Protein backbone atom coordinates (compact mmCIF):
# COMPACT_ATOMS: atom_id res chain seq x y z
CA MET A 1 20.15 -5.71 33.09
CA ILE A 2 23.71 -5.48 33.78
CA LYS A 3 25.85 -6.83 30.92
CA SER A 4 29.24 -6.02 32.17
CA PHE A 5 30.72 -4.39 35.45
CA ARG A 6 34.43 -3.01 35.99
CA ILE A 7 35.43 -1.42 39.21
CA THR A 8 38.98 0.20 39.93
CA ASN A 9 40.37 1.05 43.15
CA LEU A 10 37.56 0.79 45.45
CA ALA A 11 38.18 -0.23 48.87
CA THR A 12 39.90 -3.85 48.73
CA ILE A 13 39.56 -3.84 45.06
CA GLU A 14 42.17 -2.70 42.91
CA GLU A 15 40.58 -3.79 39.61
CA VAL A 16 37.99 -6.15 39.09
CA GLU A 17 35.73 -6.85 35.76
CA PHE A 18 33.38 -9.49 34.87
CA ASN A 19 30.24 -9.90 32.78
CA LEU A 20 26.88 -10.80 34.15
CA LYS A 21 24.39 -12.79 32.21
CA LYS A 22 20.50 -13.14 32.06
CA GLY A 23 18.75 -15.21 34.77
CA PHE A 24 19.79 -16.24 38.06
CA SER A 25 23.27 -15.51 39.24
CA ILE A 26 24.66 -16.05 42.80
CA MET A 27 27.52 -14.42 44.44
CA THR A 28 29.19 -16.44 47.39
CA GLY A 29 32.57 -15.86 49.26
CA GLU A 30 34.12 -16.11 53.02
CA THR A 31 32.93 -13.09 55.42
CA GLY A 32 34.83 -10.21 54.64
CA ALA A 33 35.57 -11.12 51.20
CA GLY A 34 34.31 -8.14 49.63
CA LYS A 35 30.82 -9.16 48.38
CA SER A 36 29.21 -5.89 49.78
CA ILE A 37 31.86 -3.78 47.91
CA ILE A 38 30.47 -5.48 44.94
CA ILE A 39 26.94 -4.16 45.73
CA ASP A 40 28.49 -0.81 46.76
CA GLY A 41 29.84 -0.52 43.40
CA ILE A 42 26.71 -0.76 41.79
CA ARG A 43 25.01 1.69 44.18
CA LEU A 44 27.97 4.26 43.35
CA VAL A 45 27.51 3.66 39.72
CA LEU A 46 23.70 4.44 39.81
CA GLY A 47 23.88 7.60 41.79
CA GLU A 48 24.38 7.13 45.48
CA LYS A 49 26.53 9.25 47.47
CA GLY A 50 30.05 8.56 47.85
CA SER A 51 33.18 9.70 49.51
CA SER A 52 36.94 9.89 49.39
CA ASP A 53 37.05 7.20 52.21
CA MET A 54 36.19 4.55 49.74
CA ILE A 55 39.14 5.16 47.70
CA ARG A 56 41.68 2.54 47.81
CA THR A 57 44.58 3.50 49.98
CA GLY A 58 47.41 4.73 47.80
CA LYS A 59 45.27 5.65 44.89
CA LYS A 60 43.62 9.19 43.85
CA GLU A 61 40.37 8.09 42.45
CA THR A 62 37.63 5.43 42.39
CA THR A 63 36.10 4.32 38.79
CA ILE A 64 33.14 2.29 38.59
CA GLU A 65 31.83 1.38 34.93
CA ALA A 66 28.60 -0.57 33.88
CA ILE A 67 27.03 -1.52 30.49
CA PHE A 68 23.23 -1.93 30.91
CA ARG A 69 20.63 -3.12 28.70
CA SER A 70 17.53 -0.98 28.56
CA PRO A 71 14.30 -3.01 29.69
CA SER A 72 12.21 -1.14 27.06
CA ASP A 73 14.82 -1.97 24.40
CA PRO A 74 17.01 -4.87 24.76
CA GLU A 75 19.15 -3.85 21.84
CA ASN A 76 19.82 -0.40 23.44
CA GLU A 77 22.82 -0.53 25.72
CA ILE A 78 23.62 2.20 28.18
CA PHE A 79 27.18 3.12 29.27
CA VAL A 80 27.37 4.28 32.64
CA GLN A 81 30.57 5.38 34.68
CA ARG A 82 31.12 7.09 38.15
CA LYS A 83 34.31 8.48 39.39
CA ILE A 84 35.00 9.32 43.25
CA VAL A 85 38.04 11.70 43.50
CA GLU A 86 39.82 12.53 46.88
CA GLN A 87 38.07 15.92 47.07
CA GLY A 88 34.40 16.05 46.43
CA THR A 89 31.68 13.33 45.43
CA GLY A 90 33.24 12.97 41.58
CA LYS A 91 31.29 12.87 38.57
CA GLY A 92 28.90 10.84 36.61
CA TYR A 93 28.72 10.08 32.94
CA VAL A 94 26.16 8.47 30.85
CA ASP A 95 27.28 7.30 27.22
CA GLY A 96 30.26 9.52 27.91
CA VAL A 97 28.38 12.69 28.64
CA LEU A 98 28.90 14.40 32.05
CA VAL A 99 25.66 14.34 33.88
CA PRO A 100 24.24 15.33 37.49
CA LEU A 101 24.18 12.58 39.93
CA LYS A 102 20.49 12.85 40.04
CA THR A 103 20.39 11.37 36.53
CA LEU A 104 22.25 8.60 37.35
CA LYS A 105 19.47 7.96 40.29
CA SER A 106 16.86 8.19 37.90
CA LEU A 107 18.33 5.44 35.90
CA ARG A 108 18.30 3.11 39.13
CA ASP A 109 14.32 3.23 39.00
CA ASP A 110 14.28 1.91 35.56
CA LEU A 111 17.15 -0.46 35.83
CA VAL A 112 17.92 -2.17 39.29
CA ASP A 113 16.21 -2.76 42.38
CA ILE A 114 18.41 -3.65 45.37
CA TYR A 115 16.90 -5.49 48.38
CA GLY A 116 19.47 -5.71 51.33
CA GLN A 117 19.43 -5.83 55.13
CA ASN A 118 19.24 -1.97 54.92
CA ASP A 119 17.63 -1.52 51.39
CA HIS A 120 13.82 -1.67 51.98
CA ALA A 121 12.94 1.94 51.32
CA PHE A 122 10.24 0.44 49.23
CA LEU A 123 8.67 -1.39 51.85
CA ARG A 124 9.37 1.30 54.65
CA HIS A 125 7.32 4.23 53.15
CA VAL A 126 3.69 3.91 53.22
CA GLU A 127 3.40 5.81 49.88
CA ASN A 128 5.09 2.76 48.09
CA GLN A 129 2.83 0.35 49.62
CA LEU A 130 -0.15 2.21 48.12
CA ASP A 131 1.70 2.32 44.78
CA TYR A 132 2.07 -1.50 44.87
CA LEU A 133 -1.30 -2.18 45.55
CA ASP A 134 -2.44 0.07 42.85
CA TYR A 135 -0.22 -1.68 40.63
CA TYR A 136 -1.27 -4.95 41.66
CA ALA A 137 -5.08 -3.86 41.16
CA HIS A 138 -4.42 -2.27 37.64
CA ALA A 139 -5.61 0.80 38.98
CA PHE A 140 -3.13 3.49 37.85
CA SER A 141 -5.53 4.73 35.08
CA LEU A 142 -8.44 5.40 37.44
CA ARG A 143 -5.74 6.90 39.83
CA LYS A 144 -4.43 9.11 37.14
CA LYS A 145 -8.02 10.27 36.56
CA VAL A 146 -8.58 10.99 40.37
CA ALA A 147 -5.29 13.01 40.31
CA ASP A 148 -6.39 15.09 37.38
CA LYS A 149 -9.86 15.90 38.88
CA ALA A 150 -8.06 16.59 42.42
CA GLN A 151 -5.63 19.09 40.77
CA GLU A 152 -8.59 20.81 38.96
CA LEU A 153 -10.54 20.92 42.29
CA ARG A 154 -7.49 22.63 44.36
CA LYS A 155 -6.91 25.09 41.60
CA LYS A 156 -10.59 25.98 41.86
CA ALA A 157 -10.41 26.12 45.62
CA ARG A 158 -7.37 28.62 45.57
CA LYS A 159 -9.40 30.76 43.05
CA LYS A 160 -12.40 30.74 45.40
CA ARG A 161 -10.21 31.51 48.34
CA ASP A 162 -8.60 34.71 46.27
CA LEU A 163 -12.13 35.64 45.50
CA GLU A 164 -13.36 35.46 49.16
CA SER A 165 -10.24 37.46 50.17
CA LYS A 166 -10.89 40.25 47.58
CA GLN A 167 -14.71 40.35 48.65
CA LYS A 168 -13.89 41.17 52.27
CA GLU A 169 -12.59 44.52 50.99
CA ARG A 170 -14.92 44.62 48.19
CA GLU A 171 -17.39 47.53 49.60
CA GLN A 172 -14.28 49.66 50.83
CA ARG A 173 -12.85 49.21 47.33
CA LEU A 174 -15.74 49.94 45.55
CA ASP A 175 -16.40 53.35 47.67
CA PHE A 176 -12.68 54.12 46.56
CA LEU A 177 -13.06 53.56 43.03
CA ASN A 178 -16.08 55.07 42.78
CA TYR A 179 -14.78 58.23 44.24
CA GLN A 180 -11.89 58.29 41.67
CA ILE A 181 -13.96 57.68 39.01
CA THR A 182 -16.09 60.57 39.72
CA GLU A 183 -13.44 62.91 40.28
CA ILE A 184 -11.92 62.33 37.06
CA GLN A 185 -15.08 62.24 35.00
CA LYS A 186 -16.22 65.34 36.62
CA ALA A 187 -12.85 67.04 35.49
CA GLU A 188 -13.88 66.27 31.85
CA LEU A 189 -10.42 66.12 30.63
CA GLN A 190 -9.47 66.37 27.11
CA PRO A 191 -6.25 64.82 25.86
CA ASP A 192 -4.51 67.90 24.15
CA GLU A 193 -6.15 70.48 26.90
CA GLU A 194 -3.36 71.18 28.98
CA GLN A 195 -0.95 72.17 26.22
CA ALA A 196 -3.79 74.58 24.94
CA ILE A 197 -4.31 76.14 28.24
CA ARG A 198 -0.56 76.57 28.99
CA GLN A 199 -0.33 78.36 25.52
CA ASP A 200 -3.34 80.75 26.52
CA ARG A 201 -2.10 81.44 29.97
CA ASN A 202 1.11 82.48 28.51
CA ILE A 203 -0.54 85.14 26.18
CA LEU A 204 -2.69 86.48 29.11
CA LYS A 205 0.60 86.79 31.30
CA ASN A 206 2.23 88.96 28.51
CA ALA A 207 -0.94 90.90 27.51
CA GLU A 208 0.44 94.41 28.03
CA LYS A 209 3.26 93.53 25.76
CA ILE A 210 1.13 92.10 23.25
CA SER A 211 -1.36 94.81 23.24
CA LEU A 212 1.56 97.44 22.55
CA LEU A 213 2.75 95.31 19.86
CA ILE A 214 -0.82 94.79 18.07
CA ASP A 215 -1.24 98.82 18.30
CA GLU A 216 2.05 99.44 16.69
CA ALA A 217 1.09 96.89 14.06
CA LEU A 218 -2.25 98.40 13.38
CA LYS A 219 -0.68 101.80 13.08
CA ILE A 220 1.76 100.46 10.51
CA SER A 221 -0.96 98.58 8.60
CA TYR A 222 -3.70 101.08 8.13
CA GLN A 223 -4.02 103.71 11.02
CA GLN A 224 -1.17 106.13 10.08
CA GLU A 225 -1.35 108.56 7.25
CA HIS A 226 1.37 106.76 5.53
CA SER A 227 0.25 103.17 6.56
CA ALA A 228 1.31 100.08 4.56
CA SER A 229 -2.42 100.01 3.36
CA SER A 230 -2.58 103.50 1.96
CA LEU A 231 0.78 103.44 0.44
CA LEU A 232 0.01 99.91 -1.25
CA SER A 233 -3.33 101.52 -2.25
CA LYS A 234 -1.34 104.47 -4.17
CA LEU A 235 1.54 102.24 -5.44
CA GLN A 236 -1.09 99.69 -6.72
CA ALA A 237 -2.75 102.75 -8.69
CA ILE A 238 0.57 103.97 -10.08
CA THR A 239 1.50 100.39 -11.52
CA GLN A 240 -2.14 100.15 -12.95
CA GLU A 241 -1.39 103.23 -14.94
CA LEU A 242 2.19 102.13 -16.01
CA SER A 243 1.08 98.82 -17.19
CA ARG A 244 -1.32 100.91 -19.80
CA TYR A 245 1.87 101.74 -21.53
CA GLU A 246 4.15 98.87 -20.55
CA LYS A 247 2.71 95.39 -20.17
CA SER A 248 5.75 94.30 -18.13
CA PHE A 249 4.25 95.98 -15.05
CA LYS A 250 0.85 94.03 -15.26
CA PRO A 251 2.48 90.84 -13.17
CA THR A 252 3.51 93.51 -10.47
CA GLU A 253 0.18 95.01 -10.32
CA GLU A 254 -1.10 91.86 -9.23
CA ALA A 255 1.52 91.31 -6.60
CA ILE A 256 0.68 94.46 -5.17
CA ARG A 257 -2.98 93.63 -4.94
CA GLU A 258 -2.33 90.16 -3.28
CA LEU A 259 0.02 91.98 -0.70
CA ALA A 260 -2.63 94.44 -0.24
CA ILE A 261 -5.07 91.65 0.75
CA ILE A 262 -2.59 90.12 2.89
CA ILE A 263 -2.06 93.49 4.78
CA GLU A 264 -5.75 93.64 5.06
CA ASP A 265 -6.19 90.13 6.61
CA LEU A 266 -3.47 90.93 8.96
CA THR A 267 -5.31 94.07 10.13
CA ASP A 268 -8.51 92.23 10.52
CA SER A 269 -6.53 89.50 12.59
CA LEU A 270 -5.08 92.21 14.92
CA LEU A 271 -8.47 93.89 15.58
CA LYS A 272 -10.14 90.55 16.55
CA PHE A 273 -7.18 89.51 18.66
CA LYS A 274 -7.45 92.77 20.32
CA GLU A 275 -11.01 92.58 20.86
CA LYS A 276 -10.64 88.93 22.43
CA GLN A 277 -8.08 90.32 24.79
CA THR A 278 -10.30 93.08 25.92
CA SER A 279 -13.40 91.00 26.31
CA ALA A 280 -12.00 88.41 28.70
CA PRO A 281 -10.21 90.15 31.60
CA ASP A 282 -10.93 87.46 34.12
CA LYS A 283 -9.92 84.62 31.82
CA LEU A 284 -6.20 84.16 33.39
CA GLU A 285 -7.80 83.29 36.72
CA LYS A 286 -9.88 80.63 35.23
CA LEU A 287 -6.89 79.28 33.46
CA GLU A 288 -4.84 79.02 36.37
CA SER A 289 -7.71 77.23 38.20
CA ARG A 290 -7.93 74.63 35.63
CA LEU A 291 -4.24 73.93 35.52
CA SER A 292 -4.31 73.59 39.49
CA GLN A 293 -6.92 71.20 39.01
CA ILE A 294 -5.09 69.19 36.35
CA GLU A 295 -1.92 69.29 38.35
CA GLY A 296 -3.89 67.71 41.41
CA LEU A 297 -5.09 64.73 39.22
CA LYS A 298 -1.66 64.28 37.78
CA ARG A 299 -0.39 63.69 41.33
CA LYS A 300 -2.73 61.05 41.86
CA TYR A 301 -3.49 59.22 38.80
CA GLY A 302 -0.46 59.94 36.25
CA ASN A 303 2.00 62.03 34.79
CA SER A 304 -0.02 63.11 31.97
CA ILE A 305 -3.82 63.54 30.84
CA LEU A 306 -3.39 60.49 28.93
CA GLU A 307 -2.21 58.56 31.83
CA ILE A 308 -5.15 59.83 33.85
CA LEU A 309 -7.74 59.04 31.38
CA SER A 310 -5.85 55.30 31.08
CA TYR A 311 -6.04 55.04 35.11
CA LEU A 312 -9.86 55.88 34.80
CA GLU A 313 -10.47 52.98 32.21
CA LYS A 314 -8.76 50.60 34.30
CA SER A 315 -10.63 51.72 37.34
CA LYS A 316 -14.06 51.26 35.60
CA GLN A 317 -13.26 48.06 34.58
CA GLU A 318 -12.14 46.87 38.01
CA PHE A 319 -15.24 48.54 39.27
CA GLU A 320 -17.45 46.46 36.87
CA GLU A 321 -15.68 43.26 38.00
CA LEU A 322 -16.27 43.90 41.51
CA SER A 323 -19.77 44.76 41.33
CA ARG A 324 -20.59 41.48 39.68
CA SER A 325 -18.24 39.29 41.66
CA HIS A 326 -20.97 37.86 43.55
CA GLU A 327 -22.27 36.45 40.24
CA THR A 328 -18.79 35.11 39.67
CA MET A 329 -18.48 33.37 43.20
CA ALA A 330 -21.97 31.72 42.72
CA ASP A 331 -20.81 30.46 39.25
CA LEU A 332 -17.54 28.99 40.82
CA GLU A 333 -19.12 27.52 43.69
CA LYS A 334 -21.43 25.61 41.27
CA GLU A 335 -18.42 24.54 39.19
CA ILE A 336 -16.59 23.44 42.37
CA ALA A 337 -19.68 21.39 43.51
CA ASP A 338 -19.82 19.65 39.90
CA LYS A 339 -16.21 18.86 40.09
CA PHE A 340 -16.18 17.75 43.69
CA SER A 341 -19.28 15.43 42.93
CA ASP A 342 -16.96 13.84 40.02
CA LEU A 343 -14.03 13.25 42.17
CA ARG A 344 -16.18 11.65 44.91
CA SER A 345 -17.32 9.32 42.27
CA LEU A 346 -13.86 8.53 41.07
CA THR A 347 -12.45 8.05 44.36
CA GLU A 348 -15.40 5.53 45.51
CA LYS A 349 -14.58 3.68 42.43
CA LEU A 350 -10.77 3.69 43.15
CA ALA A 351 -11.44 2.66 46.81
CA GLU A 352 -13.54 -0.23 45.96
CA LYS A 353 -11.04 -1.58 43.42
CA ARG A 354 -8.28 -1.01 46.10
CA ARG A 355 -10.21 -3.15 48.57
CA GLU A 356 -11.24 -5.96 46.41
CA SER A 357 -7.59 -6.13 45.25
CA ALA A 358 -6.04 -6.14 48.88
CA LEU A 359 -8.16 -9.06 49.79
CA ILE A 360 -6.64 -11.03 47.13
CA LEU A 361 -3.14 -9.56 47.86
CA GLU A 362 -3.27 -10.47 51.42
CA LYS A 363 -3.81 -14.28 50.62
CA ALA A 364 -1.04 -14.12 47.78
CA VAL A 365 1.41 -12.71 49.99
CA LYS A 366 0.48 -14.91 53.13
CA LYS A 367 0.69 -17.90 50.88
CA GLU A 368 4.23 -16.79 49.42
CA ILE A 369 5.67 -15.85 52.82
CA CYS A 370 4.39 -19.27 54.45
CA LEU A 371 6.74 -20.77 51.61
CA LEU A 372 9.63 -18.45 52.47
CA GLY A 373 10.04 -19.72 55.82
CA MET A 374 7.24 -17.46 57.65
CA LYS A 375 4.72 -20.03 57.99
CA ARG A 376 2.92 -18.59 61.08
CA ALA A 377 3.16 -15.04 60.19
CA ARG A 378 0.33 -12.86 59.39
CA PHE A 379 -0.12 -10.33 56.98
CA LYS A 380 -2.78 -7.65 56.29
CA ILE A 381 -3.43 -4.70 54.43
CA ASP A 382 -4.96 -1.74 56.47
CA ILE A 383 -6.83 0.60 54.51
CA LYS A 384 -8.09 3.80 55.90
CA THR A 385 -10.26 6.39 54.15
CA ILE A 386 -10.04 9.90 54.62
CA LEU A 387 -13.66 11.61 54.28
CA LEU A 388 -13.67 14.18 51.53
CA GLU A 389 -14.81 17.71 52.61
CA THR A 390 -15.38 20.73 50.38
CA GLU A 391 -14.20 22.96 53.60
CA HIS A 392 -10.73 21.36 53.27
CA MET A 393 -9.99 20.87 49.44
CA GLU A 394 -6.27 21.66 50.10
CA LYS A 395 -6.05 18.40 51.81
CA ILE A 396 -7.55 16.36 48.76
CA LYS A 397 -4.32 13.91 47.64
CA ASP A 398 -4.00 13.00 43.98
CA SER A 399 -3.71 9.37 45.26
CA GLY A 400 -7.34 9.46 46.30
CA THR A 401 -8.89 8.89 49.88
CA GLU A 402 -7.01 5.91 51.17
CA GLU A 403 -4.12 5.40 53.16
CA VAL A 404 -2.75 1.89 52.97
CA GLU A 405 -0.25 0.41 55.37
CA PHE A 406 1.00 -3.17 55.20
CA LEU A 407 0.74 -4.96 58.76
CA ILE A 408 2.69 -7.94 59.78
CA SER A 409 2.73 -10.42 62.65
CA PRO A 410 5.90 -12.42 62.52
CA ASN A 411 4.86 -14.68 65.47
CA PRO A 412 1.99 -16.30 66.84
CA GLY A 413 0.30 -14.25 69.64
CA GLU A 414 1.79 -10.88 68.40
CA GLU A 415 -0.69 -8.15 67.25
CA LEU A 416 -0.32 -6.93 63.64
CA ARG A 417 1.82 -3.95 63.54
CA PRO A 418 3.17 -1.86 60.71
CA LEU A 419 5.80 -3.82 58.54
CA ARG A 420 7.74 -0.63 58.19
CA LYS A 421 8.65 -0.61 61.96
CA ILE A 422 8.84 -4.24 63.23
CA ALA A 423 9.94 -6.53 60.33
CA SER A 424 13.79 -7.26 60.40
CA GLY A 425 16.04 -7.02 57.52
CA GLY A 426 15.65 -10.64 56.49
CA GLU A 427 11.94 -10.53 56.92
CA LEU A 428 11.68 -7.59 54.77
CA SER A 429 13.80 -9.11 52.03
CA ARG A 430 11.35 -12.23 51.81
CA ILE A 431 8.35 -10.24 51.96
CA MET A 432 9.85 -8.07 48.90
CA LEU A 433 10.55 -11.40 47.23
CA ALA A 434 7.12 -12.58 47.98
CA LEU A 435 5.77 -9.38 46.44
CA LYS A 436 8.05 -9.88 43.15
CA SER A 437 7.01 -13.56 42.96
CA ILE A 438 3.38 -12.81 43.07
CA GLY A 439 3.25 -12.44 39.28
CA LYS A 440 2.36 -8.68 38.91
CA GLU A 441 5.42 -7.07 37.65
CA THR A 442 6.08 -7.82 34.06
CA GLU A 443 8.67 -5.65 33.12
CA SER A 444 11.74 -7.75 31.42
CA LEU A 445 15.32 -7.41 31.88
CA LYS A 446 15.20 -5.42 35.19
CA THR A 447 17.96 -6.12 37.61
CA LEU A 448 16.91 -7.59 40.88
CA ILE A 449 19.76 -7.73 43.76
CA PHE A 450 19.04 -9.74 46.98
CA ASP A 451 21.71 -9.34 49.47
CA GLU A 452 21.62 -11.92 51.81
CA ILE A 453 18.16 -12.75 51.76
CA ASP A 454 18.93 -16.13 53.56
CA ALA A 455 19.20 -14.61 57.06
CA GLY A 456 17.58 -16.60 59.51
CA ILE A 457 16.27 -19.36 57.22
CA GLY A 458 17.64 -22.79 56.08
CA GLY A 459 16.40 -26.40 54.99
CA LYS A 460 13.26 -26.60 53.02
CA THR A 461 12.57 -23.02 53.32
CA ALA A 462 15.88 -22.01 51.75
CA GLU A 463 14.91 -24.45 48.86
CA PHE A 464 11.53 -22.33 48.43
CA VAL A 465 13.36 -19.02 48.50
CA ALA A 466 15.81 -20.35 45.78
CA GLN A 467 12.96 -21.78 43.57
CA LYS A 468 11.13 -18.08 44.10
CA LEU A 469 14.34 -16.41 42.89
CA GLN A 470 14.75 -18.96 39.90
CA ASN A 471 11.33 -18.08 38.79
CA LEU A 472 11.72 -14.62 38.94
CA ALA A 473 14.79 -14.91 36.61
CA ASP A 474 12.29 -15.84 33.96
CA HIS A 475 11.57 -12.00 33.63
CA HIS A 476 14.41 -10.32 35.38
CA GLN A 477 18.09 -10.55 35.75
CA VAL A 478 18.35 -11.97 39.42
CA ILE A 479 21.51 -11.61 41.45
CA CYS A 480 21.76 -13.08 45.01
CA ILE A 481 24.29 -12.80 47.62
CA THR A 482 23.80 -15.92 49.78
CA HIS A 483 25.82 -18.11 52.33
CA LEU A 484 23.10 -21.12 51.87
CA PRO A 485 24.24 -24.01 49.51
CA GLN A 486 20.46 -24.63 48.89
CA ILE A 487 20.08 -21.28 47.09
CA ALA A 488 23.49 -21.51 45.53
CA SER A 489 22.82 -24.60 43.89
CA PHE A 490 19.68 -23.16 41.94
CA ALA A 491 21.47 -20.50 40.19
CA ALA A 492 22.33 -20.56 36.53
CA HIS A 493 25.71 -18.73 37.09
CA HIS A 494 27.89 -18.73 40.15
CA TYR A 495 30.44 -15.87 40.87
CA ARG A 496 32.89 -16.52 43.93
CA ILE A 497 34.50 -13.37 45.69
CA ASP A 498 37.77 -14.01 47.17
CA LYS A 499 40.18 -11.90 49.48
CA GLN A 500 44.05 -12.49 48.79
CA VAL A 501 46.91 -10.97 50.42
CA LYS A 502 50.00 -10.05 48.46
CA LYS A 503 53.06 -8.16 49.55
CA ASP A 504 51.06 -6.90 52.52
CA ARG A 505 48.18 -5.71 50.31
CA THR A 506 44.70 -7.09 50.31
CA PHE A 507 43.06 -7.69 46.87
CA THR A 508 39.21 -8.78 46.32
CA ILE A 509 39.13 -10.61 43.17
CA VAL A 510 35.62 -12.16 41.29
CA LYS A 511 35.51 -15.35 39.26
CA GLU A 512 32.90 -17.07 37.57
CA LEU A 513 33.04 -20.86 38.41
CA SER A 514 32.99 -23.73 36.31
CA PHE A 515 30.57 -26.81 37.31
CA GLU A 516 33.54 -28.50 39.04
CA GLU A 517 34.34 -25.28 40.80
CA ARG A 518 31.09 -24.77 41.81
CA VAL A 519 30.80 -28.34 43.19
CA GLN A 520 33.80 -27.32 45.41
CA GLU A 521 32.02 -23.88 46.71
CA ILE A 522 28.85 -25.61 47.60
CA ALA A 523 30.77 -28.21 49.50
CA ARG A 524 32.34 -25.64 51.22
CA LEU A 525 29.17 -24.01 51.98
CA LEU A 526 27.81 -27.43 53.26
CA THR A 527 30.57 -27.99 55.62
CA GLY A 528 32.63 -25.13 56.05
CA SER A 529 36.40 -25.01 55.66
CA ARG A 530 36.89 -28.78 55.96
CA VAL A 531 35.45 -30.19 52.42
CA THR A 532 34.93 -33.99 52.72
CA ASP A 533 34.17 -36.58 49.99
CA THR A 534 30.65 -37.05 51.35
CA ALA A 535 30.38 -33.05 51.05
CA LEU A 536 31.45 -33.09 47.36
CA LYS A 537 29.11 -35.96 46.71
CA ASN A 538 26.12 -34.05 48.18
CA ALA A 539 27.10 -30.97 46.59
CA ARG A 540 27.44 -32.55 43.12
CA GLU A 541 23.98 -34.45 43.45
CA MET A 542 22.57 -30.94 44.60
CA LEU A 543 23.73 -29.12 41.86
CA ILE A 544 22.54 -31.81 39.13
CA HIS A 545 19.37 -32.05 40.58
CA ASN A 546 18.37 -28.25 41.06
CA LEU A 547 19.88 -27.28 37.73
CA ASN A 548 18.01 -29.97 35.90
CA THR A 549 14.50 -29.79 37.65
CA ASP A 550 11.54 -27.58 36.61
CA HIS A 551 10.49 -25.90 39.67
CA SER A 552 7.95 -23.73 38.46
């Protein structure tokens, strides 16, 4: 509910601040006094689009501030502020923190409903009509199950479509993968193979130079008369003879023996390497051919043998998945069928609940709007069921299989037509009041604002409207702008909106009226600008009677 409200520099308002109370409040005033500006201020502070044209002439910005009590926690107060500047749509604040305007709009859903001549978005959208029926039928828990199942089914349907799309290319892809896998496997690649081949190729390309080096090394090691091997043998014999006389030569003898062994091993290696080179004259051609094969595979599948082998494993995995995709499709189709059956069962239960509740709601609304001056109006809830089809699962809605439309015939002889298309603003206000009065909304402390709900009614009907508003005020803060004395006399709190001109400037002011001031105002509503003693007497009696009578 709105606890307090302050407007600065909005149109004809320079500064207005007033507190609002629980229960039923009424706002009255002459036409053009500024009642609609107060409602505009409430809209703005709750995120509705504003413009610099709304700023009071001669001022640079408009500020609207409101303190709300949270419906879920009456002890918790929310401070909301909206500013509109000369350039731009301004800024919004919640508890002093700058927020996007969409945050203010989200607060509106929880805090305030406004029902005016042009504020019937609720009734003008069929989605909201379905929501109201489900709320009335206590069907939202079942509807949530339908939504969950529908989302699961759509997800499975998308997966099936993707798989079907893949299957169209399945055979072609399998052939291609099989060719690639065969080509790579046939090559029998080894991870370190390329490096070894390049090393061998380098040796073979330099075979002549290497052969000369080997021959030269063999001469030095053992082939020459004074080869290293023969010289070491002589030196070893000398040191061995010397060590018989001087023991310090003994380690040298051992070192020479080890060196002789090294030379012997080197000679052996040189002979084997030379034999290997002479026994494979065509090996270079084979190595070049292998490297060419590897390079060809690298151009297709990766920059190295490791990348080629990794590509091979991925291709094998994809080949395996595609090879058994028909099994996956069969499993998926069975899963979809099971989920579709579950969804059908849930939607049938939801449809039955909706149809049963719609009949009860129709009677309740018809009774209420009759009391609100639409005595000969007919009201019907049209429910169309959409056939569930597995072929068109993308069309399955989270809300179920029903499309709901509120139909009305305001006058005898007219056929039932969609409420959103033919009802006038006043009729929509009264129907909205009827829906609120049926007793299915239990949230407390929400603010309901009815802007000139009395359009086109009077007499006894006006009293019924007033009683409905008064009853709504047991659970909500109700604010009504009216021109009817019957409605004004039922309110617990009365605010008068006046327009004054001072020094060629227009000012709108708001004042909460005392009992005697209310008598004067209701008398004015009864008779116009010429207030008589009789009008005052009638106004007083009307106030006393309506404020002290239980109309429930």
